[in-house]
Amino acid sequence: VIHFFKSATKMFYGGSGAPPPLCFMTGMGTYQFNR
């Protein structure tokens, strides 16, 4: 868990130079956070 969130704040450095990865929140039922 700790390493996931540390990694989610880092960009894809080097070849692609892409920004940090897209994440998805799911939970609390269909009408709260649905991916």
Full PDB file with SEQRES, HELIX, SHEET, SSBOND, CRYST1, ORIGX, SCALE, CONECT and MASTER records, all heavy atoms in Angstrom:
SEQRES   1 A   35  VAL ILE HIS PHE PHE LYS SER ALA THR LYS MET PHE TYR          
SEQRES   2 A   35  GLY GLY SER GLY ALA PRO PRO PRO LEU CYS PHE MET THR          
SEQRES   3 A   35  GLY MET GLY THR TYR GLN PHE ASN ARG                          
HELIX    1 AA1 ILE A    2  SER A    7  1                                   6    
CRYST1    1.000    1.000    1.000  90.00  90.00  90.00 P 1           1          
ORIGX1      1.000000  0.000000  0.000000        0.00000                         
ORIGX2      0.000000  1.000000  0.000000        0.00000                         
ORIGX3      0.000000  0.000000  1.000000        0.00000                         
SCALE1      1.000000  0.000000  0.000000        0.00000                         
SCALE2      0.000000  1.000000  0.000000        0.00000                         
SCALE3      0.000000  0.000000  1.000000        0.00000                         
ATOM      1  N   VAL A   1       0.843  -1.201   0.000  1.00  0.00           N  
ATOM      2  CA  VAL A   1       0.000   0.000   0.000  1.00  0.00           C  
ATOM      3  C   VAL A   1       0.878   1.250   0.000  1.00  0.00           C  
ATOM      4  O   VAL A   1       0.669   2.176  -0.791  1.00  0.00           O  
ATOM      5  CB  VAL A   1      -0.964   0.006   1.213  1.00  0.00           C  
ATOM      6  CG1 VAL A   1      -1.625   1.370   1.394  1.00  0.00           C  
ATOM      7  CG2 VAL A   1      -2.017  -1.087   1.071  1.00  0.00           C  
ATOM      8  N   ILE A   2       1.860   1.267   0.881  1.00  0.00           N  
ATOM      9  CA  ILE A   2       2.765   2.414   0.976  1.00  0.00           C  
ATOM     10  C   ILE A   2       3.478   2.626  -0.360  1.00  0.00           C  
ATOM     11  O   ILE A   2       3.534   3.736  -0.886  1.00  0.00           O  
ATOM     12  CB  ILE A   2       3.776   2.212   2.121  1.00  0.00           C  
ATOM     13  CG1 ILE A   2       3.057   2.246   3.470  1.00  0.00           C  
ATOM     14  CG2 ILE A   2       4.885   3.254   2.065  1.00  0.00           C  
ATOM     15  CD1 ILE A   2       3.905   1.769   4.645  1.00  0.00           C  
ATOM     16  N   HIS A   3       3.999   1.545  -0.924  1.00  0.00           N  
ATOM     17  CA  HIS A   3       4.752   1.660  -2.166  1.00  0.00           C  
ATOM     18  C   HIS A   3       3.845   2.038  -3.348  1.00  0.00           C  
ATOM     19  O   HIS A   3       4.265   2.759  -4.255  1.00  0.00           O  
ATOM     20  CB  HIS A   3       5.509   0.359  -2.459  1.00  0.00           C  
ATOM     21  CG  HIS A   3       6.600   0.543  -3.449  1.00  0.00           C  
ATOM     22  ND1 HIS A   3       7.721   1.297  -3.196  1.00  0.00           N  
ATOM     23  CD2 HIS A   3       6.724   0.096  -4.716  1.00  0.00           C  
ATOM     24  CE1 HIS A   3       8.496   1.303  -4.260  1.00  0.00           C  
ATOM     25  NE2 HIS A   3       7.912   0.582  -5.209  1.00  0.00           N  
ATOM     26  N   PHE A   4       2.600   1.560  -3.341  1.00  0.00           N  
ATOM     27  CA  PHE A   4       1.630   1.924  -4.385  1.00  0.00           C  
ATOM     28  C   PHE A   4       1.458   3.433  -4.439  1.00  0.00           C  
ATOM     29  O   PHE A   4       1.555   4.046  -5.506  1.00  0.00           O  
ATOM     30  CB  PHE A   4       0.280   1.246  -4.102  1.00  0.00           C  
ATOM     31  CG  PHE A   4      -0.820   1.668  -5.043  1.00  0.00           C  
ATOM     32  CD1 PHE A   4      -1.064   0.955  -6.204  1.00  0.00           C  
ATOM     33  CD2 PHE A   4      -1.615   2.778  -4.770  1.00  0.00           C  
ATOM     34  CE1 PHE A   4      -2.080   1.333  -7.084  1.00  0.00           C  
ATOM     35  CE2 PHE A   4      -2.630   3.164  -5.637  1.00  0.00           C  
ATOM     36  CZ  PHE A   4      -2.861   2.446  -6.798  1.00  0.00           C  
ATOM     37  N   PHE A   5       1.178   4.057  -3.297  1.00  0.00           N  
ATOM     38  CA  PHE A   5       0.923   5.500  -3.299  1.00  0.00           C  
ATOM     39  C   PHE A   5       2.188   6.304  -3.576  1.00  0.00           C  
ATOM     40  O   PHE A   5       2.117   7.353  -4.218  1.00  0.00           O  
ATOM     41  CB  PHE A   5       0.234   5.934  -2.003  1.00  0.00           C  
ATOM     42  CG  PHE A   5      -1.223   5.589  -1.989  1.00  0.00           C  
ATOM     43  CD1 PHE A   5      -1.715   4.596  -1.164  1.00  0.00           C  
ATOM     44  CD2 PHE A   5      -2.110   6.236  -2.834  1.00  0.00           C  
ATOM     45  CE1 PHE A   5      -3.051   4.270  -1.165  1.00  0.00           C  
ATOM     46  CE2 PHE A   5      -3.458   5.920  -2.852  1.00  0.00           C  
ATOM     47  CZ  PHE A   5      -3.931   4.933  -2.013  1.00  0.00           C  
ATOM     48  N   LYS A   6       3.343   5.829  -3.125  1.00  0.00           N  
ATOM     49  CA  LYS A   6       4.591   6.497  -3.492  1.00  0.00           C  
ATOM     50  C   LYS A   6       4.783   6.433  -5.009  1.00  0.00           C  
ATOM     51  O   LYS A   6       5.153   7.418  -5.644  1.00  0.00           O  
ATOM     52  CB  LYS A   6       5.782   5.841  -2.773  1.00  0.00           C  
ATOM     53  CG  LYS A   6       5.841   6.178  -1.302  1.00  0.00           C  
ATOM     54  CD  LYS A   6       6.840   5.386  -0.480  1.00  0.00           C  
ATOM     55  CE  LYS A   6       8.081   4.908  -1.108  1.00  0.00           C  
ATOM     56  NZ  LYS A   6       8.975   4.171  -0.199  1.00  0.00           N  
ATOM     57  N   SER A   7       4.508   5.268  -5.597  1.00  0.00           N  
ATOM     58  CA  SER A   7       4.665   5.086  -7.045  1.00  0.00           C  
ATOM     59  C   SER A   7       3.664   5.901  -7.844  1.00  0.00           C  
ATOM     60  O   SER A   7       3.970   6.389  -8.938  1.00  0.00           O  
ATOM     61  CB  SER A   7       4.519   3.597  -7.405  1.00  0.00           C  
ATOM     62  OG  SER A   7       5.498   2.829  -6.748  1.00  0.00           O  
ATOM     63  N   ALA A   8       2.454   6.068  -7.311  1.00  0.00           N  
ATOM     64  CA  ALA A   8       1.396   6.791  -8.022  1.00  0.00           C  
ATOM     65  C   ALA A   8       1.690   8.281  -8.163  1.00  0.00           C  
ATOM     66  O   ALA A   8       1.023   8.974  -8.928  1.00  0.00           O  
ATOM     67  CB  ALA A   8       0.053   6.586  -7.329  1.00  0.00           C  
ATOM     68  N   THR A   9       2.704   8.772  -7.446  1.00  0.00           N  
ATOM     69  CA  THR A   9       3.076  10.183  -7.565  1.00  0.00           C  
ATOM     70  C   THR A   9       4.277  10.383  -8.482  1.00  0.00           C  
ATOM     71  O   THR A   9       4.757  11.503  -8.630  1.00  0.00           O  
ATOM     72  CB  THR A   9       3.404  10.797  -6.189  1.00  0.00           C  
ATOM     73  OG1 THR A   9       4.539  10.130  -5.631  1.00  0.00           O  
ATOM     74  CG2 THR A   9       2.215  10.717  -5.245  1.00  0.00           C  
ATOM     75  N   LYS A  10       4.774   9.306  -9.099  1.00  0.00           N  
ATOM     76  CA  LYS A  10       5.968   9.390  -9.957  1.00  0.00           C  
ATOM     77  C   LYS A  10       5.598   9.290 -11.442  1.00  0.00           C  
ATOM     78  O   LYS A  10       4.722   8.529 -11.824  1.00  0.00           O  
ATOM     79  CB  LYS A  10       6.949   8.253  -9.635  1.00  0.00           C  
ATOM     80  CG  LYS A  10       7.341   8.143  -8.172  1.00  0.00           C  
ATOM     81  CD  LYS A  10       8.212   9.294  -7.741  1.00  0.00           C  
ATOM     82  CE  LYS A  10       8.779   9.089  -6.357  1.00  0.00           C  
ATOM     83  NZ  LYS A  10       7.869   9.503  -5.295  1.00  0.00           N  
ATOM     84  N   MET A  11       6.340  10.051 -12.262  1.00  0.00           N  
ATOM     85  CA  MET A  11       6.111  10.003 -13.703  1.00  0.00           C  
ATOM     86  C   MET A  11       6.876   8.835 -14.323  1.00  0.00           C  
ATOM     87  O   MET A  11       7.784   8.278 -13.706  1.00  0.00           O  
ATOM     88  CB  MET A  11       6.551  11.313 -14.362  1.00  0.00           C  
ATOM     89  CG  MET A  11       8.059  11.544 -14.348  1.00  0.00           C  
ATOM     90  SD  MET A  11       8.560  13.065 -15.164  1.00  0.00           S  
ATOM     91  CE  MET A  11       8.441  12.563 -16.873  1.00  0.00           C  
ATOM     92  N   PHE A  12       6.504   8.485 -15.543  1.00  0.00           N  
ATOM     93  CA  PHE A  12       7.217   7.477 -16.319  1.00  0.00           C  
ATOM     94  C   PHE A  12       8.413   8.176 -16.967  1.00  0.00           C  
ATOM     95  O   PHE A  12       8.330   8.659 -18.081  1.00  0.00           O  
ATOM     96  CB  PHE A  12       6.309   6.869 -17.393  1.00  0.00           C  
ATOM     97  CG  PHE A  12       5.187   6.061 -16.817  1.00  0.00           C  
ATOM     98  CD1 PHE A  12       3.953   6.647 -16.541  1.00  0.00           C  
ATOM     99  CD2 PHE A  12       5.357   4.717 -16.555  1.00  0.00           C  
ATOM    100  CE1 PHE A  12       2.916   5.899 -16.012  1.00  0.00           C  
ATOM    101  CE2 PHE A  12       4.319   3.963 -16.028  1.00  0.00           C  
ATOM    102  CZ  PHE A  12       3.104   4.555 -15.758  1.00  0.00           C  
ATOM    103  N   TYR A  13       9.505   8.270 -16.249  1.00  0.00           N  
ATOM    104  CA  TYR A  13      10.665   9.031 -16.701  1.00  0.00           C  
ATOM    105  C   TYR A  13      11.395   8.292 -17.814  1.00  0.00           C  
ATOM    106  O   TYR A  13      11.338   7.074 -17.900  1.00  0.00           O  
ATOM    107  CB  TYR A  13      11.622   9.279 -15.530  1.00  0.00           C  
ATOM    108  CG  TYR A  13      12.713  10.263 -15.835  1.00  0.00           C  
ATOM    109  CD1 TYR A  13      12.432  11.620 -15.888  1.00  0.00           C  
ATOM    110  CD2 TYR A  13      14.001   9.839 -16.098  1.00  0.00           C  
ATOM    111  CE1 TYR A  13      13.416  12.538 -16.173  1.00  0.00           C  
ATOM    112  CE2 TYR A  13      14.997  10.749 -16.391  1.00  0.00           C  
ATOM    113  CZ  TYR A  13      14.706  12.099 -16.426  1.00  0.00           C  
ATOM    114  OH  TYR A  13      15.688  12.993 -16.719  1.00  0.00           O  
ATOM    115  N   GLY A  14      12.090   9.032 -18.638  1.00  0.00           N  
ATOM    116  CA  GLY A  14      12.893   8.412 -19.689  1.00  0.00           C  
ATOM    117  C   GLY A  14      12.207   8.470 -21.027  1.00  0.00           C  
ATOM    118  O   GLY A  14      11.762   9.521 -21.459  1.00  0.00           O  
ATOM    119  N   GLY A  15      12.088   7.306 -21.666  1.00  0.00           N  
ATOM    120  CA  GLY A  15      11.568   7.216 -23.026  1.00  0.00           C  
ATOM    121  C   GLY A  15      10.250   7.923 -23.259  1.00  0.00           C  
ATOM    122  O   GLY A  15      10.126   8.749 -24.150  1.00  0.00           O  
ATOM    123  N   SER A  16       9.228   7.633 -22.465  1.00  0.00           N  
ATOM    124  CA  SER A  16       7.909   8.193 -22.754  1.00  0.00           C  
ATOM    125  C   SER A  16       7.697   9.562 -22.124  1.00  0.00           C  
ATOM    126  O   SER A  16       7.007  10.406 -22.680  1.00  0.00           O  
ATOM    127  CB  SER A  16       6.805   7.248 -22.263  1.00  0.00           C  
ATOM    128  OG  SER A  16       6.719   7.266 -20.845  1.00  0.00           O  
ATOM    129  N   GLY A  17       8.273   9.796 -20.954  1.00  0.00           N  
ATOM    130  CA  GLY A  17       8.058  11.067 -20.268  1.00  0.00           C  
ATOM    131  C   GLY A  17       6.610  11.287 -19.874  1.00  0.00           C  
ATOM    132  O   GLY A  17       6.180  12.412 -19.643  1.00  0.00           O  
ATOM    133  N   ALA A  18       5.825  10.214 -19.800  1.00  0.00           N  
ATOM    134  CA  ALA A  18       4.405  10.314 -19.469  1.00  0.00           C  
ATOM    135  C   ALA A  18       4.222  10.738 -18.010  1.00  0.00           C  
ATOM    136  O   ALA A  18       5.065  10.475 -17.166  1.00  0.00           O  
ATOM    137  CB  ALA A  18       3.725   8.969 -19.721  1.00  0.00           C  
ATOM    138  N   PRO A  19       3.113  11.398 -17.707  1.00  0.00           N  
ATOM    139  CA  PRO A  19       2.838  11.811 -16.330  1.00  0.00           C  
ATOM    140  C   PRO A  19       2.572  10.592 -15.446  1.00  0.00           C  
ATOM    141  O   PRO A  19       2.497   9.459 -15.937  1.00  0.00           O  
ATOM    142  CB  PRO A  19       1.587  12.676 -16.469  1.00  0.00           C  
ATOM    143  CG  PRO A  19       0.939  12.211 -17.720  1.00  0.00           C  
ATOM    144  CD  PRO A  19       2.045  11.767 -18.626  1.00  0.00           C  
ATOM    145  N   PRO A  20       2.418  10.798 -14.136  1.00  0.00           N  
ATOM    146  CA  PRO A  20       2.105   9.671 -13.244  1.00  0.00           C  
ATOM    147  C   PRO A  20       0.878   8.899 -13.720  1.00  0.00           C  
ATOM    148  O   PRO A  20       0.034   9.434 -14.451  1.00  0.00           O  
ATOM    149  CB  PRO A  20       1.846  10.352 -11.898  1.00  0.00           C  
ATOM    150  CG  PRO A  20       2.681  11.591 -11.958  1.00  0.00           C  
ATOM    151  CD  PRO A  20       2.573  12.046 -13.398  1.00  0.00           C  
ATOM    152  N   PRO A  21       0.762   7.642 -13.314  1.00  0.00           N  
ATOM    153  CA  PRO A  21      -0.319   6.785 -13.818  1.00  0.00           C  
ATOM    154  C   PRO A  21      -1.703   7.228 -13.344  1.00  0.00           C  
ATOM    155  O   PRO A  21      -1.860   7.764 -12.248  1.00  0.00           O  
ATOM    156  CB  PRO A  21       0.028   5.413 -13.243  1.00  0.00           C  
ATOM    157  CG  PRO A  21       0.820   5.702 -12.019  1.00  0.00           C  
ATOM    158  CD  PRO A  21       1.602   6.945 -12.328  1.00  0.00           C  
ATOM    159  N   LEU A  22      -2.672   6.985 -14.197  1.00  0.00           N  
ATOM    160  CA  LEU A  22      -4.066   7.220 -13.862  1.00  0.00           C  
ATOM    161  C   LEU A  22      -4.502   6.176 -12.838  1.00  0.00           C  
ATOM    162  O   LEU A  22      -4.147   5.002 -12.946  1.00  0.00           O  
ATOM    163  CB  LEU A  22      -4.925   7.111 -15.124  1.00  0.00           C  
ATOM    164  CG  LEU A  22      -6.404   7.439 -14.994  1.00  0.00           C  
ATOM    165  CD1 LEU A  22      -6.605   8.905 -14.625  1.00  0.00           C  
ATOM    166  CD2 LEU A  22      -7.126   7.129 -16.292  1.00  0.00           C  
ATOM    167  N   CYS A  23      -5.250   6.604 -11.843  1.00  0.00           N  
ATOM    168  CA  CYS A  23      -5.790   5.693 -10.826  1.00  0.00           C  
ATOM    169  C   CYS A  23      -7.312   5.771 -10.862  1.00  0.00           C  
ATOM    170  O   CYS A  23      -7.887   6.677 -11.475  1.00  0.00           O  
ATOM    171  CB  CYS A  23      -5.281   6.071  -9.434  1.00  0.00           C  
ATOM    172  SG  CYS A  23      -3.500   5.909  -9.217  1.00  0.00           S  
ATOM    173  N   PHE A  24      -7.951   4.827 -10.201  1.00  0.00           N  
ATOM    174  CA  PHE A  24      -9.411   4.784 -10.149  1.00  0.00           C  
ATOM    175  C   PHE A  24      -9.865   4.513  -8.726  1.00  0.00           C  
ATOM    176  O   PHE A  24      -9.300   3.652  -8.048  1.00  0.00           O  
ATOM    177  CB  PHE A  24      -9.956   3.695 -11.074  1.00  0.00           C  
ATOM    178  CG  PHE A  24      -9.630   3.920 -12.516  1.00  0.00           C  
ATOM    179  CD1 PHE A  24      -8.472   3.399 -13.067  1.00  0.00           C  
ATOM    180  CD2 PHE A  24     -10.465   4.678 -13.321  1.00  0.00           C  
ATOM    181  CE1 PHE A  24      -8.141   3.617 -14.394  1.00  0.00           C  
ATOM    182  CE2 PHE A  24     -10.150   4.907 -14.653  1.00  0.00           C  
ATOM    183  CZ  PHE A  24      -8.988   4.379 -15.191  1.00  0.00           C  
ATOM    184  N   MET A  25     -10.894   5.244  -8.272  1.00  0.00           N  
ATOM    185  CA  MET A  25     -11.504   5.021  -6.961  1.00  0.00           C  
ATOM    186  C   MET A  25     -12.829   4.310  -7.162  1.00  0.00           C  
ATOM    187  O   MET A  25     -13.657   4.738  -7.970  1.00  0.00           O  
ATOM    188  CB  MET A  25     -11.770   6.345  -6.242  1.00  0.00           C  
ATOM    189  CG  MET A  25     -10.582   6.927  -5.555  1.00  0.00           C  
ATOM    190  SD  MET A  25     -10.938   8.511  -4.712  1.00  0.00           S  
ATOM    191  CE  MET A  25     -12.270   8.089  -3.607  1.00  0.00           C  
ATOM    192  N   THR A  26     -13.014   3.235  -6.411  1.00  0.00           N  
ATOM    193  CA  THR A  26     -14.270   2.493  -6.440  1.00  0.00           C  
ATOM    194  C   THR A  26     -14.674   2.208  -4.998  1.00  0.00           C  
ATOM    195  O   THR A  26     -13.833   1.821  -4.192  1.00  0.00           O  
ATOM    196  CB  THR A  26     -14.103   1.163  -7.200  1.00  0.00           C  
ATOM    197  OG1 THR A  26     -13.646   1.439  -8.525  1.00  0.00           O  
ATOM    198  CG2 THR A  26     -15.410   0.387  -7.267  1.00  0.00           C  
ATOM    199  N   GLY A  27     -15.944   2.405  -4.699  1.00  0.00           N  
ATOM    200  CA  GLY A  27     -16.407   2.061  -3.365  1.00  0.00           C  
ATOM    201  C   GLY A  27     -17.585   2.887  -2.915  1.00  0.00           C  
ATOM    202  O   GLY A  27     -18.001   3.836  -3.569  1.00  0.00           O  
ATOM    203  N   MET A  28     -18.120   2.528  -1.786  1.00  0.00           N  
ATOM    204  CA  MET A  28     -19.241   3.194  -1.135  1.00  0.00           C  
ATOM    205  C   MET A  28     -20.539   3.059  -1.918  1.00  0.00           C  
ATOM    206  O   MET A  28     -21.486   3.786  -1.675  1.00  0.00           O  
ATOM    207  CB  MET A  28     -18.966   4.685  -0.874  1.00  0.00           C  
ATOM    208  CG  MET A  28     -17.684   4.983  -0.153  1.00  0.00           C  
ATOM    209  SD  MET A  28     -17.706   4.249   1.480  1.00  0.00           S  
ATOM    210  CE  MET A  28     -16.051   4.600   2.004  1.00  0.00           C  
ATOM    211  N   GLY A  29     -20.600   2.157  -2.883  1.00  0.00           N  
ATOM    212  CA  GLY A  29     -21.821   1.924  -3.636  1.00  0.00           C  
ATOM    213  C   GLY A  29     -21.797   2.560  -5.014  1.00  0.00           C  
ATOM    214  O   GLY A  29     -20.947   3.377  -5.334  1.00  0.00           O  
ATOM    215  N   THR A  30     -22.740   2.188  -5.819  1.00  0.00           N  
ATOM    216  CA  THR A  30     -22.809   2.578  -7.223  1.00  0.00           C  
ATOM    217  C   THR A  30     -22.774   4.084  -7.452  1.00  0.00           C  
ATOM    218  O   THR A  30     -22.133   4.559  -8.383  1.00  0.00           O  
ATOM    219  CB  THR A  30     -24.094   2.005  -7.854  1.00  0.00           C  
ATOM    220  OG1 THR A  30     -24.077   0.591  -7.698  1.00  0.00           O  
ATOM    221  CG2 THR A  30     -24.195   2.353  -9.329  1.00  0.00           C  
ATOM    222  N   TYR A  31     -23.450   4.860  -6.615  1.00  0.00           N  
ATOM    223  CA  TYR A  31     -23.575   6.292  -6.867  1.00  0.00           C  
ATOM    224  C   TYR A  31     -22.558   7.136  -6.109  1.00  0.00           C  
ATOM    225  O   TYR A  31     -22.667   8.361  -6.093  1.00  0.00           O  
ATOM    226  CB  TYR A  31     -24.995   6.765  -6.571  1.00  0.00           C  
ATOM    227  CG  TYR A  31     -25.995   6.063  -7.459  1.00  0.00           C  
ATOM    228  CD1 TYR A  31     -26.904   5.156  -6.940  1.00  0.00           C  
ATOM    229  CD2 TYR A  31     -25.991   6.282  -8.832  1.00  0.00           C  
ATOM    230  CE1 TYR A  31     -27.796   4.490  -7.770  1.00  0.00           C  
ATOM    231  CE2 TYR A  31     -26.879   5.625  -9.668  1.00  0.00           C  
ATOM    232  CZ  TYR A  31     -27.780   4.733  -9.125  1.00  0.00           C  
ATOM    233  OH  TYR A  31     -28.653   4.074  -9.948  1.00  0.00           O  
ATOM    234  N   GLN A  32     -21.565   6.527  -5.499  1.00  0.00           N  
ATOM    235  CA  GLN A  32     -20.494   7.291  -4.858  1.00  0.00           C  
ATOM    236  C   GLN A  32     -19.269   7.292  -5.767  1.00  0.00           C  
ATOM    237  O   GLN A  32     -19.048   8.224  -6.506  1.00  0.00           O  
ATOM    238  CB  GLN A  32     -20.153   6.721  -3.474  1.00  0.00           C  
ATOM    239  CG  GLN A  32     -21.186   7.021  -2.426  1.00  0.00           C  
ATOM    240  CD  GLN A  32     -21.174   8.493  -2.006  1.00  0.00           C  
ATOM    241  OE1 GLN A  32     -20.443   9.326  -2.526  1.00  0.00           O  
ATOM    242  NE2 GLN A  32     -22.025   8.813  -1.059  1.00  0.00           N  
ATOM    243  N   PHE A  33     -18.473   6.223  -5.701  1.00  0.00           N  
ATOM    244  CA  PHE A  33     -17.247   6.143  -6.498  1.00  0.00           C  
ATOM    245  C   PHE A  33     -17.309   4.859  -7.306  1.00  0.00           C  
ATOM    246  O   PHE A  33     -17.152   3.776  -6.761  1.00  0.00           O  
ATOM    247  CB  PHE A  33     -16.010   6.164  -5.598  1.00  0.00           C  
ATOM    248  CG  PHE A  33     -16.039   7.297  -4.609  1.00  0.00           C  
ATOM    249  CD1 PHE A  33     -16.256   7.072  -3.270  1.00  0.00           C  
ATOM    250  CD2 PHE A  33     -15.879   8.603  -5.041  1.00  0.00           C  
ATOM    251  CE1 PHE A  33     -16.305   8.104  -2.363  1.00  0.00           C  
ATOM    252  CE2 PHE A  33     -15.918   9.661  -4.145  1.00  0.00           C  
ATOM    253  CZ  PHE A  33     -16.134   9.407  -2.801  1.00  0.00           C  
ATOM    254  N   ASN A  34     -17.557   4.992  -8.580  1.00  0.00           N  
ATOM    255  CA  ASN A  34     -17.733   3.841  -9.453  1.00  0.00           C  
ATOM    256  C   ASN A  34     -16.661   3.902 -10.539  1.00  0.00           C  
ATOM    257  O   ASN A  34     -16.894   4.378 -11.632  1.00  0.00           O  
ATOM    258  CB  ASN A  34     -19.141   3.861 -10.049  1.00  0.00           C  
ATOM    259  CG  ASN A  34     -19.502   2.577 -10.731  1.00  0.00           C  
ATOM    260  OD1 ASN A  34     -18.624   1.782 -11.079  1.00  0.00           O  
ATOM    261  ND2 ASN A  34     -20.776   2.359 -10.949  1.00  0.00           N  
ATOM    262  N   ARG A  35     -15.468   3.458 -10.158  1.00  0.00           N  
ATOM    263  CA  ARG A  35     -14.296   3.525 -11.032  1.00  0.00           C  
ATOM    264  C   ARG A  35     -14.061   4.968 -11.488  1.00  0.00           C  
ATOM    265  O   ARG A  35     -13.854   5.264 -12.667  1.00  0.00           O  
ATOM    266  CB  ARG A  35     -14.434   2.572 -12.206  1.00  0.00           C  
ATOM    267  CG  ARG A  35     -13.100   2.221 -12.849  1.00  0.00           C  
ATOM    268  CD  ARG A  35     -13.062   0.850 -13.458  1.00  0.00           C  
ATOM    269  NE  ARG A  35     -11.920   0.678 -14.322  1.00  0.00           N  
ATOM    270  CZ  ARG A  35     -10.658   0.532 -13.896  1.00  0.00           C  
ATOM    271  NH1 ARG A  35     -10.403   0.532 -12.622  1.00  0.00           N  
ATOM    272  NH2 ARG A  35      -9.666   0.394 -14.742  1.00  0.00           N  
TER     273      ARG A  35                                                      
MASTER        0    0    0    1    0    0    0    6  272    1    0    3          
END                                                                             
